[in-house]
Amino acid sequence: AEVRPKRQKRSRQLEPGWFEKVVELSERGITVQELLAFYRRLGKDLMPHYDPTVHTTRDVVRLAIIPMTRETGRALAEDLADEPRKVQVMVTHTWENLFRDLVAAVVADALEENTFDLIAHVLQEDSFLVAHPIRGHPSNFLYNKKLAQEMEHLQK
């Protein structure tokens, strides 16, 4: 029998500038209220063909967020805020899921709900109904999806 040498684990060295990028991303917070205001624009002045039962997070980024921020060249969170805002809650997600479900999950977390399915249904029917309980709610946290992705990368 052939004996193969054990594979050595490669040490993960952080690329130059990685830590600075994580710090930068940690200051790109968006409130739940701002996320809902953005969501309500979908299917209207942003991405007029938006369908919450079809369009993924990738679709919304490519067809709404990138065109919306092309002029400034900045992240959406940077365009929404006058100054950097520290993130209080990190959100991780997949690009392939429905954007409606991502928004519903964030809202459910802010309202301390265990599931997001009812919120997703309400978002699909009338997003203004979801916005009402959020206004002034102490959990109107600053959320950031990308920071969560970077932190996951660090843990691998």
N, C-alpha and C. Protein backbone atom coordinates (compact mmCIF):
# COMPACT_ATOMS: atom_id res chain seq x y z
N ALA A 1 0.84 -1.18 0.00
CA ALA A 1 0.00 0.00 0.00
C ALA A 1 0.88 1.24 0.00
N GLU A 2 0.45 2.19 -0.80
CA GLU A 2 1.19 3.44 -0.92
C GLU A 2 0.89 4.35 0.27
N VAL A 3 1.92 4.91 0.84
CA VAL A 3 1.75 5.83 1.96
C VAL A 3 1.93 7.25 1.44
N ARG A 4 0.92 8.01 1.63
CA ARG A 4 0.99 9.41 1.18
C ARG A 4 1.34 10.31 2.35
N PRO A 5 2.18 11.27 2.09
CA PRO A 5 2.51 12.20 3.18
C PRO A 5 1.28 13.03 3.54
N LYS A 6 1.19 13.39 4.81
CA LYS A 6 0.08 14.22 5.26
C LYS A 6 0.18 15.60 4.63
N ARG A 7 -0.98 16.12 4.27
CA ARG A 7 -1.02 17.48 3.74
C ARG A 7 -0.78 18.47 4.85
N GLN A 8 0.03 19.43 4.55
CA GLN A 8 0.25 20.47 5.53
C GLN A 8 -0.81 21.55 5.34
N LYS A 9 -1.31 22.01 6.47
CA LYS A 9 -2.28 23.10 6.40
C LYS A 9 -1.55 24.38 6.06
N ARG A 10 -2.13 25.08 5.11
CA ARG A 10 -1.55 26.38 4.77
C ARG A 10 -2.02 27.40 5.78
N SER A 11 -1.11 28.20 6.23
CA SER A 11 -1.52 29.25 7.16
C SER A 11 -2.19 30.35 6.35
N ARG A 12 -3.25 30.85 6.88
CA ARG A 12 -3.98 31.91 6.19
C ARG A 12 -3.40 33.24 6.62
N GLN A 13 -2.74 33.85 5.70
CA GLN A 13 -2.22 35.18 5.98
C GLN A 13 -3.17 36.19 5.36
N LEU A 14 -3.44 37.21 6.12
CA LEU A 14 -4.34 38.24 5.62
C LEU A 14 -3.61 39.10 4.61
N GLU A 15 -4.32 39.39 3.56
CA GLU A 15 -3.75 40.24 2.53
C GLU A 15 -3.61 41.66 3.06
N PRO A 16 -2.63 42.39 2.55
CA PRO A 16 -2.47 43.77 3.00
C PRO A 16 -3.76 44.56 2.75
N GLY A 17 -4.15 45.36 3.72
CA GLY A 17 -5.34 46.18 3.58
C GLY A 17 -6.62 45.49 4.00
N TRP A 18 -6.53 44.19 4.33
CA TRP A 18 -7.74 43.45 4.69
C TRP A 18 -8.39 44.02 5.94
N PHE A 19 -7.61 44.22 6.99
CA PHE A 19 -8.16 44.73 8.26
C PHE A 19 -8.79 46.11 8.05
N GLU A 20 -8.13 46.96 7.29
CA GLU A 20 -8.66 48.29 7.04
C GLU A 20 -10.01 48.22 6.31
N LYS A 21 -10.14 47.25 5.39
CA LYS A 21 -11.39 47.07 4.66
C LYS A 21 -12.50 46.62 5.61
N VAL A 22 -12.18 45.72 6.53
CA VAL A 22 -13.18 45.27 7.50
C VAL A 22 -13.65 46.44 8.36
N VAL A 23 -12.73 47.27 8.80
CA VAL A 23 -13.09 48.45 9.58
C VAL A 23 -13.98 49.37 8.75
N GLU A 24 -13.63 49.59 7.50
CA GLU A 24 -14.44 50.44 6.61
C GLU A 24 -15.85 49.88 6.47
N LEU A 25 -15.96 48.57 6.26
CA LEU A 25 -17.28 47.94 6.12
C LEU A 25 -18.09 48.03 7.41
N SER A 26 -17.40 48.02 8.55
CA SER A 26 -18.10 48.09 9.83
C SER A 26 -18.73 49.46 10.04
N GLU A 27 -18.38 50.41 9.20
CA GLU A 27 -18.94 51.76 9.30
C GLU A 27 -19.93 52.05 8.17
N ARG A 28 -20.45 51.00 7.56
CA ARG A 28 -21.44 51.15 6.49
C ARG A 28 -22.79 50.62 6.94
N GLY A 29 -23.27 51.14 8.06
CA GLY A 29 -24.53 50.68 8.61
C GLY A 29 -25.72 51.27 7.88
N ILE A 30 -26.79 50.52 7.85
CA ILE A 30 -28.05 50.98 7.27
C ILE A 30 -29.14 50.58 8.27
N THR A 31 -30.05 51.50 8.56
CA THR A 31 -31.11 51.18 9.52
C THR A 31 -32.18 50.34 8.84
N VAL A 32 -32.97 49.68 9.64
CA VAL A 32 -34.08 48.89 9.11
C VAL A 32 -35.04 49.82 8.37
N GLN A 33 -35.26 51.00 8.91
CA GLN A 33 -36.15 51.97 8.27
C GLN A 33 -35.63 52.34 6.88
N GLU A 34 -34.33 52.56 6.76
CA GLU A 34 -33.74 52.88 5.46
C GLU A 34 -33.86 51.71 4.49
N LEU A 35 -33.65 50.50 4.99
CA LEU A 35 -33.79 49.32 4.15
C LEU A 35 -35.22 49.21 3.63
N LEU A 36 -36.19 49.44 4.50
CA LEU A 36 -37.60 49.37 4.08
C LEU A 36 -37.94 50.48 3.09
N ALA A 37 -37.40 51.67 3.30
CA ALA A 37 -37.65 52.78 2.36
C ALA A 37 -37.09 52.42 0.98
N PHE A 38 -35.91 51.80 0.95
CA PHE A 38 -35.33 51.34 -0.31
C PHE A 38 -36.23 50.28 -0.94
N TYR A 39 -36.65 49.31 -0.14
CA TYR A 39 -37.48 48.21 -0.64
C TYR A 39 -38.78 48.75 -1.26
N ARG A 40 -39.37 49.76 -0.63
CA ARG A 40 -40.63 50.32 -1.15
C ARG A 40 -40.44 51.00 -2.51
N ARG A 41 -39.24 51.39 -2.84
CA ARG A 41 -38.98 52.02 -4.14
C ARG A 41 -38.87 50.99 -5.27
N LEU A 42 -38.61 49.72 -4.92
CA LEU A 42 -38.51 48.67 -5.93
C LEU A 42 -39.87 48.47 -6.58
N GLY A 43 -39.85 48.34 -7.89
CA GLY A 43 -41.10 48.19 -8.63
C GLY A 43 -41.73 49.53 -8.97
N LYS A 44 -41.09 50.60 -8.50
CA LYS A 44 -41.57 51.95 -8.81
C LYS A 44 -40.45 52.68 -9.55
N ASP A 45 -39.78 53.62 -8.87
CA ASP A 45 -38.72 54.37 -9.55
C ASP A 45 -37.40 53.59 -9.62
N LEU A 46 -37.26 52.56 -8.83
CA LEU A 46 -36.09 51.67 -8.93
C LEU A 46 -36.55 50.32 -9.44
N MET A 47 -35.92 49.85 -10.49
CA MET A 47 -36.19 48.51 -11.02
C MET A 47 -37.70 48.32 -11.20
N PRO A 48 -38.30 49.07 -12.12
CA PRO A 48 -39.77 49.06 -12.29
C PRO A 48 -40.37 47.67 -12.52
N HIS A 49 -39.61 46.74 -13.02
CA HIS A 49 -40.10 45.39 -13.28
C HIS A 49 -39.93 44.45 -12.08
N TYR A 50 -39.53 44.99 -10.92
CA TYR A 50 -39.27 44.17 -9.73
C TYR A 50 -40.49 43.33 -9.36
N ASP A 51 -40.24 42.05 -9.12
CA ASP A 51 -41.28 41.12 -8.67
C ASP A 51 -40.73 40.41 -7.43
N PRO A 52 -41.32 40.62 -6.26
CA PRO A 52 -40.78 40.04 -5.03
C PRO A 52 -40.78 38.52 -5.01
N THR A 53 -41.55 37.89 -5.87
CA THR A 53 -41.59 36.43 -5.90
C THR A 53 -40.56 35.84 -6.86
N VAL A 54 -39.83 36.72 -7.56
CA VAL A 54 -38.89 36.26 -8.59
C VAL A 54 -37.47 36.79 -8.36
N HIS A 55 -37.33 38.05 -8.02
CA HIS A 55 -36.01 38.69 -8.03
C HIS A 55 -35.19 38.40 -6.77
N THR A 56 -33.94 38.04 -7.05
CA THR A 56 -32.99 37.68 -5.99
C THR A 56 -32.22 38.91 -5.52
N THR A 57 -31.44 38.70 -4.48
CA THR A 57 -30.56 39.76 -3.99
C THR A 57 -29.59 40.18 -5.10
N ARG A 58 -29.07 39.21 -5.84
CA ARG A 58 -28.17 39.53 -6.96
C ARG A 58 -28.86 40.44 -7.98
N ASP A 59 -30.12 40.12 -8.32
CA ASP A 59 -30.87 40.94 -9.27
C ASP A 59 -31.01 42.37 -8.77
N VAL A 60 -31.35 42.53 -7.52
CA VAL A 60 -31.57 43.87 -6.95
C VAL A 60 -30.26 44.65 -6.92
N VAL A 61 -29.18 43.98 -6.57
CA VAL A 61 -27.88 44.67 -6.55
C VAL A 61 -27.52 45.14 -7.96
N ARG A 62 -27.64 44.24 -8.94
CA ARG A 62 -27.21 44.57 -10.30
C ARG A 62 -28.17 45.53 -11.01
N LEU A 63 -29.47 45.40 -10.75
CA LEU A 63 -30.46 46.17 -11.51
C LEU A 63 -31.01 47.39 -10.78
N ALA A 64 -30.73 47.52 -9.48
CA ALA A 64 -31.23 48.68 -8.74
C ALA A 64 -30.10 49.41 -8.01
N ILE A 65 -29.35 48.70 -7.18
CA ILE A 65 -28.34 49.37 -6.33
C ILE A 65 -27.18 49.90 -7.16
N ILE A 66 -26.61 49.09 -8.04
CA ILE A 66 -25.47 49.57 -8.83
C ILE A 66 -25.85 50.76 -9.71
N PRO A 67 -26.96 50.69 -10.45
CA PRO A 67 -27.33 51.88 -11.22
C PRO A 67 -27.61 53.11 -10.33
N MET A 68 -28.19 52.87 -9.16
CA MET A 68 -28.52 53.97 -8.25
C MET A 68 -27.26 54.65 -7.70
N THR A 69 -26.20 53.89 -7.49
CA THR A 69 -24.98 54.43 -6.87
C THR A 69 -23.86 54.67 -7.89
N ARG A 70 -24.13 54.43 -9.16
CA ARG A 70 -23.09 54.56 -10.19
C ARG A 70 -22.48 55.96 -10.20
N GLU A 71 -23.31 56.98 -10.07
CA GLU A 71 -22.83 58.35 -10.14
C GLU A 71 -21.84 58.69 -9.02
N THR A 72 -22.14 58.24 -7.80
CA THR A 72 -21.26 58.55 -6.67
C THR A 72 -20.10 57.57 -6.56
N GLY A 73 -20.31 56.33 -7.06
CA GLY A 73 -19.27 55.31 -6.93
C GLY A 73 -19.12 54.79 -5.51
N ARG A 74 -20.09 55.07 -4.69
CA ARG A 74 -20.02 54.65 -3.29
C ARG A 74 -21.04 53.54 -3.02
N ALA A 75 -20.91 52.94 -1.85
CA ALA A 75 -21.87 51.92 -1.42
C ALA A 75 -23.20 52.61 -1.10
N LEU A 76 -24.29 51.88 -1.21
CA LEU A 76 -25.61 52.42 -0.91
C LEU A 76 -25.66 52.98 0.51
N ALA A 77 -25.10 52.26 1.48
CA ALA A 77 -25.11 52.72 2.87
C ALA A 77 -24.38 54.06 3.00
N GLU A 78 -23.33 54.25 2.23
CA GLU A 78 -22.60 55.53 2.27
C GLU A 78 -23.44 56.66 1.68
N ASP A 79 -24.20 56.35 0.63
CA ASP A 79 -25.05 57.37 0.03
C ASP A 79 -26.22 57.75 0.93
N LEU A 80 -26.67 56.82 1.76
CA LEU A 80 -27.81 57.09 2.64
C LEU A 80 -27.42 57.88 3.89
N ALA A 81 -26.16 57.80 4.29
CA ALA A 81 -25.72 58.43 5.53
C ALA A 81 -24.87 59.66 5.27
N ASP A 82 -24.98 60.61 6.17
CA ASP A 82 -24.14 61.81 6.08
C ASP A 82 -22.72 61.53 6.56
N GLU A 83 -22.58 60.56 7.44
CA GLU A 83 -21.27 60.21 7.98
C GLU A 83 -21.26 58.70 8.28
N PRO A 84 -20.07 58.12 8.46
CA PRO A 84 -20.00 56.69 8.75
C PRO A 84 -20.80 56.35 10.02
N ARG A 85 -21.48 55.20 9.98
CA ARG A 85 -22.25 54.75 11.13
C ARG A 85 -21.85 53.33 11.46
N LYS A 86 -21.47 53.10 12.71
CA LYS A 86 -21.05 51.77 13.14
C LYS A 86 -22.21 50.79 13.07
N VAL A 87 -21.92 49.62 12.56
CA VAL A 87 -22.88 48.54 12.46
C VAL A 87 -23.14 47.95 13.85
N GLN A 88 -24.39 47.66 14.14
CA GLN A 88 -24.75 47.01 15.40
C GLN A 88 -25.11 45.54 15.22
N VAL A 89 -25.57 45.18 14.03
CA VAL A 89 -25.97 43.80 13.73
C VAL A 89 -25.40 43.44 12.36
N MET A 90 -24.76 42.28 12.27
CA MET A 90 -24.25 41.83 10.98
C MET A 90 -25.24 40.84 10.37
N VAL A 91 -25.42 40.94 9.07
CA VAL A 91 -26.34 40.05 8.35
C VAL A 91 -25.57 39.33 7.27
N THR A 92 -25.68 38.02 7.24
CA THR A 92 -25.09 37.25 6.17
C THR A 92 -26.22 36.70 5.31
N HIS A 93 -25.94 36.45 4.05
CA HIS A 93 -26.99 36.03 3.13
C HIS A 93 -26.37 35.36 1.92
N THR A 94 -27.23 34.85 1.06
CA THR A 94 -26.79 34.32 -0.22
C THR A 94 -27.36 35.20 -1.32
N TRP A 95 -26.65 35.31 -2.39
CA TRP A 95 -27.08 36.15 -3.52
C TRP A 95 -28.24 35.53 -4.28
N GLU A 96 -28.45 34.22 -4.12
CA GLU A 96 -29.46 33.52 -4.91
C GLU A 96 -30.86 33.54 -4.32
N ASN A 97 -31.00 33.91 -3.05
CA ASN A 97 -32.33 33.93 -2.44
C ASN A 97 -33.10 35.19 -2.83
N LEU A 98 -34.40 35.13 -2.64
CA LEU A 98 -35.23 36.30 -2.95
C LEU A 98 -34.83 37.47 -2.07
N PHE A 99 -34.75 38.65 -2.68
CA PHE A 99 -34.43 39.85 -1.92
C PHE A 99 -35.51 40.12 -0.88
N ARG A 100 -36.75 39.86 -1.23
CA ARG A 100 -37.87 40.02 -0.29
C ARG A 100 -37.60 39.26 1.00
N ASP A 101 -37.06 38.04 0.89
CA ASP A 101 -36.81 37.22 2.07
C ASP A 101 -35.66 37.77 2.91
N LEU A 102 -34.66 38.34 2.26
CA LEU A 102 -33.57 38.98 2.99
C LEU A 102 -34.11 40.14 3.82
N VAL A 103 -34.90 40.99 3.19
CA VAL A 103 -35.48 42.14 3.90
C VAL A 103 -36.38 41.64 5.04
N ALA A 104 -37.19 40.63 4.76
CA ALA A 104 -38.09 40.08 5.78
C ALA A 104 -37.31 39.51 6.97
N ALA A 105 -36.19 38.86 6.70
CA ALA A 105 -35.37 38.30 7.78
C ALA A 105 -34.78 39.40 8.65
N VAL A 106 -34.33 40.48 8.04
CA VAL A 106 -33.79 41.61 8.80
C VAL A 106 -34.88 42.23 9.67
N VAL A 107 -36.05 42.45 9.09
CA VAL A 107 -37.17 43.03 9.84
C VAL A 107 -37.57 42.09 10.98
N ALA A 108 -37.66 40.80 10.70
CA ALA A 108 -38.02 39.84 11.74
C ALA A 108 -37.03 39.88 12.90
N ASP A 109 -35.75 39.98 12.58
CA ASP A 109 -34.74 40.07 13.63
C ASP A 109 -34.93 41.34 14.45
N ALA A 110 -35.17 42.45 13.77
CA ALA A 110 -35.35 43.73 14.48
C ALA A 110 -36.56 43.69 15.40
N LEU A 111 -37.61 42.97 14.99
CA LEU A 111 -38.83 42.87 15.80
C LEU A 111 -38.80 41.68 16.76
N GLU A 112 -37.65 40.98 16.77
CA GLU A 112 -37.44 39.83 17.64
C GLU A 112 -38.46 38.72 17.37
N GLU A 113 -38.78 38.53 16.10
CA GLU A 113 -39.65 37.44 15.67
C GLU A 113 -38.79 36.21 15.40
N ASN A 114 -39.36 35.03 15.56
CA ASN A 114 -38.62 33.79 15.34
C ASN A 114 -38.57 33.39 13.87
N THR A 115 -39.55 33.82 13.08
CA THR A 115 -39.58 33.47 11.67
C THR A 115 -39.88 34.72 10.85
N PHE A 116 -39.61 34.64 9.56
CA PHE A 116 -39.83 35.80 8.70
C PHE A 116 -40.92 35.58 7.66
N ASP A 117 -41.56 34.42 7.64
CA ASP A 117 -42.51 34.11 6.57
C ASP A 117 -43.71 35.06 6.53
N LEU A 118 -44.28 35.40 7.67
CA LEU A 118 -45.41 36.32 7.68
C LEU A 118 -44.97 37.71 7.21
N ILE A 119 -43.81 38.14 7.66
CA ILE A 119 -43.29 39.45 7.24
C ILE A 119 -43.03 39.46 5.74
N ALA A 120 -42.51 38.36 5.20
CA ALA A 120 -42.28 38.27 3.75
C ALA A 120 -43.60 38.41 3.00
N HIS A 121 -44.64 37.77 3.51
CA HIS A 121 -45.95 37.86 2.87
C HIS A 121 -46.46 39.30 2.90
N VAL A 122 -46.33 39.96 4.05
CA VAL A 122 -46.79 41.34 4.17
C VAL A 122 -45.97 42.26 3.27
N LEU A 123 -44.66 42.05 3.22
CA LEU A 123 -43.81 42.86 2.34
C LEU A 123 -44.26 42.74 0.89
N GLN A 124 -44.64 41.55 0.52
CA GLN A 124 -45.07 41.32 -0.86
C GLN A 124 -46.38 42.04 -1.16
N GLU A 125 -47.26 42.12 -0.15
CA GLU A 125 -48.57 42.73 -0.36
C GLU A 125 -48.56 44.24 -0.13
N ASP A 126 -47.95 44.69 0.99
CA ASP A 126 -47.96 46.12 1.32
C ASP A 126 -46.84 46.42 2.30
N SER A 127 -45.70 46.86 1.78
CA SER A 127 -44.52 47.08 2.63
C SER A 127 -44.71 48.20 3.65
N PHE A 128 -45.67 49.08 3.45
CA PHE A 128 -45.92 50.15 4.43
C PHE A 128 -46.43 49.57 5.75
N LEU A 129 -47.12 48.45 5.71
CA LEU A 129 -47.62 47.82 6.93
C LEU A 129 -46.48 47.34 7.81
N VAL A 130 -45.38 46.92 7.19
CA VAL A 130 -44.23 46.45 7.95
C VAL A 130 -43.47 47.63 8.52
N ALA A 131 -43.40 48.73 7.81
CA ALA A 131 -42.63 49.89 8.26
C ALA A 131 -43.21 50.49 9.53
N HIS A 132 -44.52 50.43 9.70
CA HIS A 132 -45.15 51.09 10.85
C HIS A 132 -44.60 50.63 12.20
N PRO A 133 -44.51 49.31 12.48
CA PRO A 133 -44.01 48.92 13.80
C PRO A 133 -42.52 49.19 14.00
N ILE A 134 -41.78 49.43 12.92
CA ILE A 134 -40.34 49.67 13.04
C ILE A 134 -40.05 51.09 13.51
N ARG A 135 -40.83 52.07 13.05
CA ARG A 135 -40.57 53.47 13.40
C ARG A 135 -40.48 53.64 14.90
N GLY A 136 -39.37 54.18 15.36
CA GLY A 136 -39.20 54.44 16.78
C GLY A 136 -38.93 53.20 17.62
N HIS A 137 -38.94 52.03 17.00
CA HIS A 137 -38.67 50.80 17.74
C HIS A 137 -37.20 50.82 18.18
N PRO A 138 -36.92 50.45 19.42
CA PRO A 138 -35.53 50.51 19.90
C PRO A 138 -34.58 49.61 19.12
N SER A 139 -35.12 48.68 18.34
CA SER A 139 -34.25 47.78 17.59
C SER A 139 -34.03 48.24 16.15
N ASN A 140 -34.16 49.53 15.89
CA ASN A 140 -33.90 50.05 14.55
C ASN A 140 -32.38 50.11 14.36
N PHE A 141 -31.76 48.91 14.45
CA PHE A 141 -30.30 48.75 14.41
C PHE A 141 -29.72 49.12 13.06
N LEU A 142 -28.42 49.30 13.08
CA LEU A 142 -27.68 49.48 11.84
C LEU A 142 -27.22 48.10 11.38
N TYR A 143 -27.58 47.76 10.16
CA TYR A 143 -27.28 46.44 9.61
C TYR A 143 -26.25 46.56 8.49
N ASN A 144 -25.45 45.52 8.34
CA ASN A 144 -24.51 45.47 7.23
C ASN A 144 -24.29 44.02 6.84
N LYS A 145 -24.54 43.70 5.56
CA LYS A 145 -24.40 42.33 5.08
C LYS A 145 -22.95 42.00 4.77
N LYS A 146 -22.25 42.94 4.14
CA LYS A 146 -20.90 42.64 3.67
C LYS A 146 -19.94 42.39 4.82
N LEU A 147 -20.11 43.10 5.92
CA LEU A 147 -19.20 42.89 7.05
C LEU A 147 -19.30 41.45 7.53
N ALA A 148 -20.50 40.92 7.55
CA ALA A 148 -20.67 39.53 7.98
C ALA A 148 -19.92 38.59 7.05
N GLN A 149 -19.96 38.87 5.75
CA GLN A 149 -19.25 38.03 4.80
C GLN A 149 -17.75 38.08 5.05
N GLU A 150 -17.22 39.27 5.33
CA GLU A 150 -15.79 39.41 5.59
C GLU A 150 -15.38 38.68 6.88
N MET A 151 -16.25 38.77 7.89
CA MET A 151 -15.92 38.10 9.15
C MET A 151 -15.94 36.58 8.97
N GLU A 152 -16.86 36.07 8.17
CA GLU A 152 -16.89 34.64 7.87
C GLU A 152 -15.62 34.21 7.17
N HIS A 153 -15.14 35.05 6.25
CA HIS A 153 -13.90 34.76 5.53
C HIS A 153 -12.74 34.64 6.50
N LEU A 154 -12.69 35.49 7.49
CA LEU A 154 -11.61 35.48 8.48
C LEU A 154 -11.63 34.19 9.29
N GLN A 155 -12.81 33.66 9.58
CA GLN A 155 -12.93 32.47 10.42
C GLN A 155 -12.59 31.19 9.69
N LYS A 156 -12.50 31.22 8.38
CA LYS A 156 -12.20 30.00 7.60
C LYS A 156 -10.75 29.63 7.69
